[in-house]
Amino acid sequence: EYRGKRSVEAFLEFVKKQLEDPVKEFKDVSELNNLDTKKRIIIGFFDKKDCPEYNTFRRAASNLKDDCQFHAGFGDVVRVMHPPGQPIVVFRPDVALSNERDEAYKGSLLDYDATSVWMADRCVPLVREITFENAEELTEEGLPFLILFHRPGTDDDTVKRFKDIVADQLISEKQNINFLTADGEKFAHPLHHLGKSQSDLPLIAIDSFRHMYLFPDIKDMEIPGRLKSFIQDLYSGKLHREFHYGPDPNEIGSHHQHGSSGNGGPTTPPESTFKKLGPSKNRYTLLRDEL
C-alpha cells in the first residue's frame, strides 16, 4: 500500500521503485566485500539467469525488497562458488548491528513457498528498526512497542546485546509486542516526552499507544527475566498504576520505578508519541475502505 506524500511526483517515484528489479547483479565476487554491513542481504549463485531456481529467487525477492538487499551472480563469475548445476543461496546478516552468522539455504529452490518462508524469516528480524518511513506501517499492526533508543555508531554493541536478549528471553512475546530499535537522535521528541535527552542514550521504553513507560536502568536488561517482567507489568496494568500512584509499598525492593515521582501523589505517565505517527483516520486506504 502506498503511504507516501499525496503528490504526482512522489507517486511516480513510488511506482518507479516498485518496477525496479529487486535483484542486483554483480560481475565480480569481490563486489560482495563492499556490501553494507548494516543491511540484511541474501546472495544467490546461479549457473544462468534462465533457470527455474533463479525465477524462484527473484519472485521471493520481489516480496521482500523493502526488508533485504538481494544480489546474484551468474555463470563464470560465480563458478567457483557453487557445484555445477547446484545453485546456492546465502543469507548474510547485518553484522554491524547483530551477532547473527551467515547461513546457507538447505531447501529446494524449486519450492517457492519454502524458499519464500526461509527468506522472510531472515529478512524480517525479530527486532526491527523503526524509522519515519515505516512508523505508520508498524503502528498499524496495533501491538505495543518495546523500543531501544540509541545513537548509531556509538551504541552498536548495545543494539547487538538487546537483540540477543530479545531472541533468548522474549521470543514467546513476539505475537504481543513489537521489538524495535530507534535512532535516538532522529526520534528526539519521544525522548523529550520521557524527560530524557540524547545524553541519556541508550535507553529502553514501552509505548502502549496510550502512554510511554521508561525501563529504569538499561544495565538491568542483562538480568535474566527483567525485561520480560517489565513487559508483563504492562499487560497486568502495574506500569500504569505505578505511574499514577507510585510503587506498591507492600512490594519490598520493587525494581520498577518507571519515572514515577515517588512523592506518594498521583502522577500521569507521558502520552504516547508513536500513535501520532499512525495513519490518519481520514486517509483513504484500500485495505480499510475496499477490502
C-alpha atoms as a PDB file:
ATOM      1  CA  GLU A   1       0.000   0.000   0.000  1.00  0.00           C
ATOM      2  CA  TYR A   2       1.295   3.459  -0.928  1.00  0.00           C
ATOM      3  CA  ARG A   3       1.915   5.525   2.213  1.00  0.00           C
ATOM      4  CA  GLY A   4       3.899   8.445   0.867  1.00  0.00           C
ATOM      5  CA  LYS A   5       3.111  12.048   0.099  1.00  0.00           C
ATOM      6  CA  ARG A   6      -0.024  12.630  -1.985  1.00  0.00           C
ATOM      7  CA  SER A   7       1.646  14.255  -4.987  1.00  0.00           C
ATOM      8  CA  VAL A   8       2.205  13.269  -8.607  1.00  0.00           C
ATOM      9  CA  GLU A   9       5.990  13.343  -8.233  1.00  0.00           C
ATOM     10  CA  ALA A  10       6.015  11.192  -5.094  1.00  0.00           C
ATOM     11  CA  PHE A  11       3.588   8.680  -6.580  1.00  0.00           C
ATOM     12  CA  LEU A  12       5.591   8.372  -9.802  1.00  0.00           C
ATOM     13  CA  GLU A  13       8.750   7.790  -7.767  1.00  0.00           C
ATOM     14  CA  PHE A  14       6.943   5.069  -5.802  1.00  0.00           C
ATOM     15  CA  VAL A  15       5.784   3.339  -8.998  1.00  0.00           C
ATOM     16  CA  LYS A  16       9.267   3.602 -10.491  1.00  0.00           C
ATOM     17  CA  LYS A  17      10.766   1.965  -7.413  1.00  0.00           C
ATOM     18  CA  GLN A  18       8.177  -0.823  -7.495  1.00  0.00           C
ATOM     19  CA  LEU A  19       9.123  -1.609 -11.085  1.00  0.00           C
ATOM     20  CA  GLU A  20      12.852  -1.819 -10.391  1.00  0.00           C
ATOM     21  CA  ASP A  21      14.484  -5.243 -10.471  1.00  0.00           C
ATOM     22  CA  PRO A  22      14.744  -6.332  -6.811  1.00  0.00           C
ATOM     23  CA  VAL A  23      17.951  -8.265  -7.524  1.00  0.00           C
ATOM     24  CA  LYS A  24      21.245  -6.511  -8.226  1.00  0.00           C
ATOM     25  CA  GLU A  25      23.637  -8.496 -10.407  1.00  0.00           C
ATOM     26  CA  PHE A  26      27.327  -8.491  -9.506  1.00  0.00           C
ATOM     27  CA  LYS A  27      30.007  -9.039 -12.158  1.00  0.00           C
ATOM     28  CA  ASP A  28      32.825  -9.940  -9.775  1.00  0.00           C
ATOM     29  CA  VAL A  29      32.646 -11.709  -6.411  1.00  0.00           C
ATOM     30  CA  SER A  30      34.930  -9.028  -4.954  1.00  0.00           C
ATOM     31  CA  GLU A  31      31.932  -6.676  -5.096  1.00  0.00           C
ATOM     32  CA  LEU A  32      30.420  -8.675  -2.243  1.00  0.00           C
ATOM     33  CA  ASN A  33      33.147  -7.365   0.060  1.00  0.00           C
ATOM     34  CA  ASN A  34      31.733  -3.855  -0.238  1.00  0.00           C
ATOM     35  CA  LEU A  35      28.119  -4.538   0.737  1.00  0.00           C
ATOM     36  CA  ASP A  36      26.526  -2.541   3.559  1.00  0.00           C
ATOM     37  CA  THR A  37      27.169  -4.337   6.864  1.00  0.00           C
ATOM     38  CA  LYS A  38      24.116  -2.638   8.392  1.00  0.00           C
ATOM     39  CA  LYS A  39      21.760  -4.282   5.886  1.00  0.00           C
ATOM     40  CA  ARG A  40      20.376  -7.813   5.795  1.00  0.00           C
ATOM     41  CA  ILE A  41      21.401  -9.376   2.494  1.00  0.00           C
ATOM     42  CA  ILE A  42      20.576 -12.516   0.515  1.00  0.00           C
ATOM     43  CA  ILE A  43      23.015 -13.602  -2.191  1.00  0.00           C
ATOM     44  CA  GLY A  44      22.381 -16.122  -4.963  1.00  0.00           C
ATOM     45  CA  PHE A  45      24.952 -18.018  -7.044  1.00  0.00           C
ATOM     46  CA  PHE A  46      23.497 -19.463 -10.268  1.00  0.00           C
ATOM     47  CA  ASP A  47      24.663 -21.111 -13.497  1.00  0.00           C
ATOM     48  CA  LYS A  48      22.474 -18.782 -15.551  1.00  0.00           C
ATOM     49  CA  LYS A  49      19.573 -16.370 -15.295  1.00  0.00           C
ATOM     50  CA  ASP A  50      17.251 -18.508 -17.364  1.00  0.00           C
ATOM     51  CA  CYS A  51      16.622 -21.259 -14.831  1.00  0.00           C
ATOM     52  CA  PRO A  52      13.680 -22.129 -12.533  1.00  0.00           C
ATOM     53  CA  GLU A  53      15.792 -21.693  -9.385  1.00  0.00           C
ATOM     54  CA  TYR A  54      16.576 -18.072 -10.227  1.00  0.00           C
ATOM     55  CA  ASN A  55      12.928 -17.444 -11.083  1.00  0.00           C
ATOM     56  CA  THR A  56      12.012 -18.621  -7.581  1.00  0.00           C
ATOM     57  CA  PHE A  57      14.752 -16.456  -6.053  1.00  0.00           C
ATOM     58  CA  ARG A  58      13.664 -13.341  -7.929  1.00  0.00           C
ATOM     59  CA  ARG A  59       9.976 -13.885  -7.229  1.00  0.00           C
ATOM     60  CA  ALA A  60      10.596 -14.206  -3.487  1.00  0.00           C
ATOM     61  CA  ALA A  61      12.907 -11.179  -3.574  1.00  0.00           C
ATOM     62  CA  SER A  62      10.137  -9.072  -5.112  1.00  0.00           C
ATOM     63  CA  ASN A  63       8.041  -9.509  -1.968  1.00  0.00           C
ATOM     64  CA  LEU A  64      10.901  -8.758   0.431  1.00  0.00           C
ATOM     65  CA  LYS A  65      12.823  -5.970  -1.289  1.00  0.00           C
ATOM     66  CA  ASP A  66      11.915  -3.481   1.451  1.00  0.00           C
ATOM     67  CA  ASP A  67      13.380  -5.780   4.107  1.00  0.00           C
ATOM     68  CA  CYS A  68      16.527  -7.201   2.487  1.00  0.00           C
ATOM     69  CA  GLN A  69      19.014  -6.417  -0.242  1.00  0.00           C
ATOM     70  CA  PHE A  70      19.275  -9.099  -2.928  1.00  0.00           C
ATOM     71  CA  HIS A  71      22.334  -9.804  -5.063  1.00  0.00           C
ATOM     72  CA  ALA A  72      23.030 -12.522  -7.615  1.00  0.00           C
ATOM     73  CA  GLY A  73      25.884 -13.694  -9.806  1.00  0.00           C
ATOM     74  CA  PHE A  74      25.810 -15.977 -12.833  1.00  0.00           C
ATOM     75  CA  GLY A  75      27.976 -18.285 -14.924  1.00  0.00           C
ATOM     76  CA  ASP A  76      31.748 -17.916 -14.876  1.00  0.00           C
ATOM     77  CA  VAL A  77      31.562 -15.083 -12.321  1.00  0.00           C
ATOM     78  CA  VAL A  78      30.444 -17.484  -9.573  1.00  0.00           C
ATOM     79  CA  ARG A  79      31.550 -20.847 -10.942  1.00  0.00           C
ATOM     80  CA  VAL A  80      33.972 -21.443  -8.060  1.00  0.00           C
ATOM     81  CA  MET A  81      31.268 -20.545  -5.501  1.00  0.00           C
ATOM     82  CA  HIS A  82      28.919 -23.488  -6.124  1.00  0.00           C
ATOM     83  CA  PRO A  83      28.911 -27.011  -7.620  1.00  0.00           C
ATOM     84  CA  PRO A  84      27.823 -27.244 -11.284  1.00  0.00           C
ATOM     85  CA  GLY A  85      24.064 -27.439 -11.590  1.00  0.00           C
ATOM     86  CA  GLN A  86      23.534 -26.691  -7.889  1.00  0.00           C
ATOM     87  CA  PRO A  87      22.659 -23.044  -7.249  1.00  0.00           C
ATOM     88  CA  ILE A  88      23.364 -21.744  -3.762  1.00  0.00           C
ATOM     89  CA  VAL A  89      21.560 -19.032  -1.784  1.00  0.00           C
ATOM     90  CA  VAL A  90      23.168 -17.493   1.295  1.00  0.00           C
ATOM     91  CA  PHE A  91      21.835 -15.120   3.937  1.00  0.00           C
ATOM     92  CA  ARG A  92      24.279 -12.506   5.195  1.00  0.00           C
ATOM     93  CA  PRO A  93      23.084 -10.718   8.372  1.00  0.00           C
ATOM     94  CA  ASP A  94      23.587  -7.097   9.325  1.00  0.00           C
ATOM     95  CA  VAL A  95      26.821  -7.931  11.144  1.00  0.00           C
ATOM     96  CA  ALA A  96      27.408  -4.328  12.243  1.00  0.00           C
ATOM     97  CA  LEU A  97      24.192  -4.458  14.282  1.00  0.00           C
ATOM     98  CA  SER A  98      23.729  -8.112  15.211  1.00  0.00           C
ATOM     99  CA  ASN A  99      25.622 -11.231  16.239  1.00  0.00           C
ATOM    100  CA  GLU A 100      23.927 -13.445  13.657  1.00  0.00           C
ATOM    101  CA  ARG A 101      26.003 -15.511  11.231  1.00  0.00           C
ATOM    102  CA  ASP A 102      25.898 -16.321   7.527  1.00  0.00           C
ATOM    103  CA  GLU A 103      23.527 -19.142   6.686  1.00  0.00           C
ATOM    104  CA  ALA A 104      23.011 -21.159   3.505  1.00  0.00           C
ATOM    105  CA  TYR A 105      19.560 -22.233   2.351  1.00  0.00           C
ATOM    106  CA  LYS A 106      19.346 -26.015   2.502  1.00  0.00           C
ATOM    107  CA  GLY A 107      15.923 -26.442   0.914  1.00  0.00           C
ATOM    108  CA  SER A 108      14.911 -26.753  -2.726  1.00  0.00           C
ATOM    109  CA  LEU A 109      14.955 -23.602  -4.840  1.00  0.00           C
ATOM    110  CA  LEU A 110      12.244 -25.229  -6.939  1.00  0.00           C
ATOM    111  CA  ASP A 111       9.874 -24.917  -3.960  1.00  0.00           C
ATOM    112  CA  TYR A 112       8.699 -21.305  -3.962  1.00  0.00           C
ATOM    113  CA  ASP A 113       6.734 -21.479  -0.702  1.00  0.00           C
ATOM    114  CA  ALA A 114       9.608 -22.985   1.295  1.00  0.00           C
ATOM    115  CA  THR A 115      12.134 -20.590  -0.237  1.00  0.00           C
ATOM    116  CA  SER A 116       9.912 -17.581   0.440  1.00  0.00           C
ATOM    117  CA  VAL A 117       9.316 -18.560   4.071  1.00  0.00           C
ATOM    118  CA  TRP A 118      13.049 -19.092   4.662  1.00  0.00           C
ATOM    119  CA  MET A 119      13.891 -15.701   3.176  1.00  0.00           C
ATOM    120  CA  ALA A 120      11.124 -13.927   5.105  1.00  0.00           C
ATOM    121  CA  ASP A 121      12.285 -15.434   8.396  1.00  0.00           C
ATOM    122  CA  ARG A 122      15.723 -13.921   7.809  1.00  0.00           C
ATOM    123  CA  CYS A 123      14.782 -10.648   6.144  1.00  0.00           C
ATOM    124  CA  VAL A 124      12.174  -9.662   8.737  1.00  0.00           C
ATOM    125  CA  PRO A 125      14.072  -9.925  12.029  1.00  0.00           C
ATOM    126  CA  LEU A 126      12.593 -10.300  15.498  1.00  0.00           C
ATOM    127  CA  VAL A 127      13.941  -6.842  16.361  1.00  0.00           C
ATOM    128  CA  ARG A 128      13.240  -4.260  13.665  1.00  0.00           C
ATOM    129  CA  GLU A 129      14.349  -0.664  13.239  1.00  0.00           C
ATOM    130  CA  ILE A 130      11.619   1.960  13.332  1.00  0.00           C
ATOM    131  CA  THR A 131      12.063   4.946  11.024  1.00  0.00           C
ATOM    132  CA  PHE A 132       9.824   7.794   9.945  1.00  0.00           C
ATOM    133  CA  GLU A 133       9.302   5.864   6.702  1.00  0.00           C
ATOM    134  CA  ASN A 134       7.962   2.662   8.302  1.00  0.00           C
ATOM    135  CA  ALA A 135       6.461   4.049  11.537  1.00  0.00           C
ATOM    136  CA  GLU A 136       2.950   4.251  10.088  1.00  0.00           C
ATOM    137  CA  GLU A 137       3.052   0.632   8.963  1.00  0.00           C
ATOM    138  CA  LEU A 138       4.414  -0.596  12.307  1.00  0.00           C
ATOM    139  CA  THR A 139       1.853   1.440  14.240  1.00  0.00           C
ATOM    140  CA  GLU A 140      -0.931  -0.030  12.104  1.00  0.00           C
ATOM    141  CA  GLU A 141      -0.002  -3.508  13.366  1.00  0.00           C
ATOM    142  CA  GLY A 142      -1.580  -2.456  16.668  1.00  0.00           C
ATOM    143  CA  LEU A 143       0.991  -4.014  19.008  1.00  0.00           C
ATOM    144  CA  PRO A 144       2.753  -2.054  21.777  1.00  0.00           C
ATOM    145  CA  PHE A 145       6.382  -1.123  21.131  1.00  0.00           C
ATOM    146  CA  LEU A 146       9.382  -2.138  23.216  1.00  0.00           C
ATOM    147  CA  ILE A 147      11.978   0.293  21.904  1.00  0.00           C
ATOM    148  CA  LEU A 148      15.710   0.633  22.380  1.00  0.00           C
ATOM    149  CA  PHE A 149      16.646   4.259  21.685  1.00  0.00           C
ATOM    150  CA  HIS A 150      20.328   4.535  20.775  1.00  0.00           C
ATOM    151  CA  ARG A 151      22.996   6.561  18.997  1.00  0.00           C
ATOM    152  CA  PRO A 152      24.008   4.911  15.706  1.00  0.00           C
ATOM    153  CA  GLY A 153      27.714   4.196  15.558  1.00  0.00           C
ATOM    154  CA  THR A 154      28.131   4.789  19.292  1.00  0.00           C
ATOM    155  CA  ASP A 155      25.766   2.243  20.845  1.00  0.00           C
ATOM    156  CA  ASP A 156      26.061  -0.548  18.263  1.00  0.00           C
ATOM    157  CA  ASP A 157      27.239  -3.076  20.866  1.00  0.00           C
ATOM    158  CA  THR A 158      24.179  -2.283  22.993  1.00  0.00           C
ATOM    159  CA  VAL A 159      21.967  -2.849  19.941  1.00  0.00           C
ATOM    160  CA  LYS A 160      23.575  -6.253  19.385  1.00  0.00           C
ATOM    161  CA  ARG A 161      23.121  -7.191  23.035  1.00  0.00           C
ATOM    162  CA  PHE A 162      19.485  -6.062  23.054  1.00  0.00           C
ATOM    163  CA  LYS A 163      18.784  -8.246  20.012  1.00  0.00           C
ATOM    164  CA  ASP A 164      20.461 -11.239  21.669  1.00  0.00           C
ATOM    165  CA  ILE A 165      18.420 -10.806  24.857  1.00  0.00           C
ATOM    166  CA  VAL A 166      15.154 -10.470  22.949  1.00  0.00           C
ATOM    167  CA  ALA A 167      15.938 -13.610  20.933  1.00  0.00           C
ATOM    168  CA  ASP A 168      16.990 -15.585  24.020  1.00  0.00           C
ATOM    169  CA  GLN A 169      14.352 -14.457  26.529  1.00  0.00           C
ATOM    170  CA  LEU A 170      11.404 -12.788  24.792  1.00  0.00           C
ATOM    171  CA  ILE A 171      10.653 -14.916  21.738  1.00  0.00           C
ATOM    172  CA  SER A 172       7.373 -16.020  23.367  1.00  0.00           C
ATOM    173  CA  GLU A 173       6.169 -12.400  23.390  1.00  0.00           C
ATOM    174  CA  LYS A 174       6.550 -11.704  19.664  1.00  0.00           C
ATOM    175  CA  GLN A 175       2.806 -12.064  18.994  1.00  0.00           C
ATOM    176  CA  ASN A 176       2.019  -9.474  21.678  1.00  0.00           C
ATOM    177  CA  ILE A 177       4.620  -6.743  21.279  1.00  0.00           C
ATOM    178  CA  ASN A 178       6.878  -5.266  18.602  1.00  0.00           C
ATOM    179  CA  PHE A 179      10.583  -5.229  19.430  1.00  0.00           C
ATOM    180  CA  LEU A 180      12.230  -2.183  17.888  1.00  0.00           C
ATOM    181  CA  THR A 181      15.346  -0.050  17.793  1.00  0.00           C
ATOM    182  CA  ALA A 182      15.207   3.674  17.096  1.00  0.00           C
ATOM    183  CA  ASP A 183      17.763   6.333  16.267  1.00  0.00           C
ATOM    184  CA  GLY A 184      17.546   8.492  19.385  1.00  0.00           C
ATOM    185  CA  GLU A 185      18.953  11.471  17.518  1.00  0.00           C
ATOM    186  CA  LYS A 186      16.146  11.393  14.955  1.00  0.00           C
ATOM    187  CA  PHE A 187      13.434  10.442  17.445  1.00  0.00           C
ATOM    188  CA  ALA A 188      14.240  13.195  19.926  1.00  0.00           C
ATOM    189  CA  HIS A 189      10.565  14.031  20.519  1.00  0.00           C
ATOM    190  CA  PRO A 190       9.686  10.738  22.290  1.00  0.00           C
ATOM    191  CA  LEU A 191      12.783  11.172  24.469  1.00  0.00           C
ATOM    192  CA  HIS A 192      11.593  14.642  25.434  1.00  0.00           C
ATOM    193  CA  HIS A 193       8.230  13.186  26.493  1.00  0.00           C
ATOM    194  CA  LEU A 194      10.107  10.775  28.746  1.00  0.00           C
ATOM    195  CA  GLY A 195      12.060  13.653  30.269  1.00  0.00           C
ATOM    196  CA  LYS A 196      15.238  12.436  28.591  1.00  0.00           C
ATOM    197  CA  SER A 197      17.700  13.775  26.036  1.00  0.00           C
ATOM    198  CA  GLN A 198      20.367  12.375  23.736  1.00  0.00           C
ATOM    199  CA  SER A 199      22.852  12.480  26.597  1.00  0.00           C
ATOM    200  CA  ASP A 200      20.754   9.798  28.352  1.00  0.00           C
ATOM    201  CA  LEU A 201      21.062   7.319  25.476  1.00  0.00           C
ATOM    202  CA  PRO A 202      20.878   4.393  25.225  1.00  0.00           C
ATOM    203  CA  LEU A 203      17.582   3.698  26.987  1.00  0.00           C
ATOM    204  CA  ILE A 204      14.595   1.362  26.705  1.00  0.00           C
ATOM    205  CA  ALA A 205      10.908   2.260  26.833  1.00  0.00           C
ATOM    206  CA  ILE A 206       7.482   0.811  26.112  1.00  0.00           C
ATOM    207  CA  ASP A 207       4.955   2.764  24.064  1.00  0.00           C
ATOM    208  CA  SER A 208       1.484   1.275  24.606  1.00  0.00           C
ATOM    209  CA  PHE A 209      -0.152   3.791  22.213  1.00  0.00           C
ATOM    210  CA  ARG A 210      -1.715   5.396  25.275  1.00  0.00           C
ATOM    211  CA  HIS A 211       1.338   6.095  27.394  1.00  0.00           C
ATOM    212  CA  MET A 212       5.107   5.656  27.406  1.00  0.00           C
ATOM    213  CA  TYR A 213       6.922   3.820  30.195  1.00  0.00           C
ATOM    214  CA  LEU A 214      10.653   4.059  30.804  1.00  0.00           C
ATOM    215  CA  PHE A 215      12.686   0.984  31.723  1.00  0.00           C
ATOM    216  CA  PRO A 216      14.529   2.223  34.835  1.00  0.00           C
ATOM    217  CA  ASP A 217      18.110   1.222  34.019  1.00  0.00           C
ATOM    218  CA  ILE A 218      19.276  -0.207  30.716  1.00  0.00           C
ATOM    219  CA  LYS A 219      22.007  -2.168  32.509  1.00  0.00           C
ATOM    220  CA  ASP A 220      19.229  -4.220  34.117  1.00  0.00           C
ATOM    221  CA  MET A 221      18.343  -5.771  30.761  1.00  0.00           C
ATOM    222  CA  GLU A 222      21.313  -8.066  31.455  1.00  0.00           C
ATOM    223  CA  ILE A 223      19.479  -9.501  34.483  1.00  0.00           C
ATOM    224  CA  PRO A 224      17.618 -12.621  33.266  1.00  0.00           C
ATOM    225  CA  GLY A 225      13.877 -12.068  33.307  1.00  0.00           C
ATOM    226  CA  ARG A 226      13.976  -8.329  33.983  1.00  0.00           C
ATOM    227  CA  LEU A 227      12.803  -7.199  30.534  1.00  0.00           C
ATOM    228  CA  LYS A 228      10.157  -9.933  30.485  1.00  0.00           C
ATOM    229  CA  SER A 229       8.908  -8.729  33.873  1.00  0.00           C
ATOM    230  CA  PHE A 230       8.738  -5.177  32.503  1.00  0.00           C
ATOM    231  CA  ILE A 231       6.535  -6.387  29.637  1.00  0.00           C
ATOM    232  CA  GLN A 232       4.346  -8.464  31.966  1.00  0.00           C
ATOM    233  CA  ASP A 233       3.830  -5.384  34.144  1.00  0.00           C
ATOM    234  CA  LEU A 234       2.423  -3.622  31.080  1.00  0.00           C
ATOM    235  CA  TYR A 235      -0.087  -6.422  30.491  1.00  0.00           C
ATOM    236  CA  SER A 236      -1.172  -6.528  34.140  1.00  0.00           C
ATOM    237  CA  GLY A 237      -1.633  -2.768  34.378  1.00  0.00           C
ATOM    238  CA  LYS A 238       1.081  -2.462  37.009  1.00  0.00           C
ATOM    239  CA  LEU A 239       3.092   0.073  35.000  1.00  0.00           C
ATOM    240  CA  HIS A 240       0.042   2.302  34.700  1.00  0.00           C
ATOM    241  CA  ARG A 241      -0.797   2.024  38.411  1.00  0.00           C
ATOM    242  CA  GLU A 242       2.759   2.806  39.472  1.00  0.00           C
ATOM    243  CA  PHE A 243       2.870   5.862  37.252  1.00  0.00           C
ATOM    244  CA  HIS A 244      -0.314   7.201  38.829  1.00  0.00           C
ATOM    245  CA  TYR A 245       0.299   6.232  42.454  1.00  0.00           C
ATOM    246  CA  GLY A 246       3.940   5.211  42.789  1.00  0.00           C
ATOM    247  CA  PRO A 247       5.308   1.756  43.680  1.00  0.00           C
ATOM    248  CA  ASP A 248       3.215  -0.575  45.813  1.00  0.00           C
ATOM    249  CA  PRO A 249       4.531  -0.065  49.381  1.00  0.00           C
ATOM    250  CA  ASN A 250       3.839  -3.747  50.067  1.00  0.00           C
ATOM    251  CA  GLU A 251       6.415  -4.753  47.451  1.00  0.00           C
ATOM    252  CA  ILE A 252       9.735  -4.559  49.233  1.00  0.00           C
ATOM    253  CA  GLY A 253      12.635  -3.607  47.000  1.00  0.00           C
ATOM    254  CA  SER A 254      10.487  -3.069  43.947  1.00  0.00           C
ATOM    255  CA  HIS A 255      12.791  -2.513  40.974  1.00  0.00           C
ATOM    256  CA  HIS A 256      10.163  -0.862  38.762  1.00  0.00           C
ATOM    257  CA  GLN A 257      10.002   2.865  39.360  1.00  0.00           C
ATOM    258  CA  HIS A 258       9.226   3.817  35.735  1.00  0.00           C
ATOM    259  CA  GLY A 259       9.646   7.515  36.247  1.00  0.00           C
ATOM    260  CA  SER A 260       7.040   7.991  38.970  1.00  0.00           C
ATOM    261  CA  SER A 261       7.512  10.981  41.216  1.00  0.00           C
ATOM    262  CA  GLY A 262       7.985   8.936  44.358  1.00  0.00           C
ATOM    263  CA  ASN A 263       6.129  11.531  46.478  1.00  0.00           C
ATOM    264  CA  GLY A 264       3.074   9.353  47.019  1.00  0.00           C
ATOM    265  CA  GLY A 265       0.760  11.604  44.979  1.00  0.00           C
ATOM    266  CA  PRO A 266      -0.874  10.665  41.703  1.00  0.00           C
ATOM    267  CA  THR A 267       1.224  11.251  38.593  1.00  0.00           C
ATOM    268  CA  THR A 268       0.448  10.988  34.900  1.00  0.00           C
ATOM    269  CA  PRO A 269       2.601   8.878  32.535  1.00  0.00           C
ATOM    270  CA  PRO A 270       3.827  10.570  29.347  1.00  0.00           C
ATOM    271  CA  GLU A 271       1.408  10.246  26.460  1.00  0.00           C
ATOM    272  CA  SER A 272       2.281   8.017  23.524  1.00  0.00           C
ATOM    273  CA  THR A 273       4.090   9.840  20.750  1.00  0.00           C
ATOM    274  CA  PHE A 274       4.236   6.970  18.269  1.00  0.00           C
ATOM    275  CA  LYS A 275       0.449   6.715  17.970  1.00  0.00           C
ATOM    276  CA  LYS A 276       0.639  10.114  16.266  1.00  0.00           C
ATOM    277  CA  LEU A 277       2.746   8.511  13.530  1.00  0.00           C
ATOM    278  CA  GLY A 278      -0.049   6.093  12.676  1.00  0.00           C
ATOM    279  CA  PRO A 279      -2.311   6.512   9.629  1.00  0.00           C
ATOM    280  CA  SER A 280      -4.847   9.306   9.668  1.00  0.00           C
ATOM    281  CA  LYS A 281      -8.416   8.134  10.237  1.00  0.00           C
ATOM    282  CA  ASN A 282      -9.409  10.414   7.365  1.00  0.00           C
ATOM    283  CA  ARG A 283      -6.958   8.827   4.943  1.00  0.00           C
ATOM    284  CA  TYR A 284      -8.388   6.683   2.170  1.00  0.00           C
ATOM    285  CA  THR A 285      -6.936   3.192   2.304  1.00  0.00           C
ATOM    286  CA  LEU A 286      -7.626   0.255   0.031  1.00  0.00           C
ATOM    287  CA  LEU A 287      -7.292  -2.186   2.933  1.00  0.00           C
ATOM    288  CA  ARG A 288      -9.853  -0.453   5.143  1.00  0.00           C
ATOM    289  CA  ASP A 289     -12.252   1.053   2.610  1.00  0.00           C
ATOM    290  CA  GLU A 290     -12.325  -1.540  -0.158  1.00  0.00           C
ATOM    291  CA  LEU A 291     -11.384  -4.960   1.221  1.00  0.00           C
END
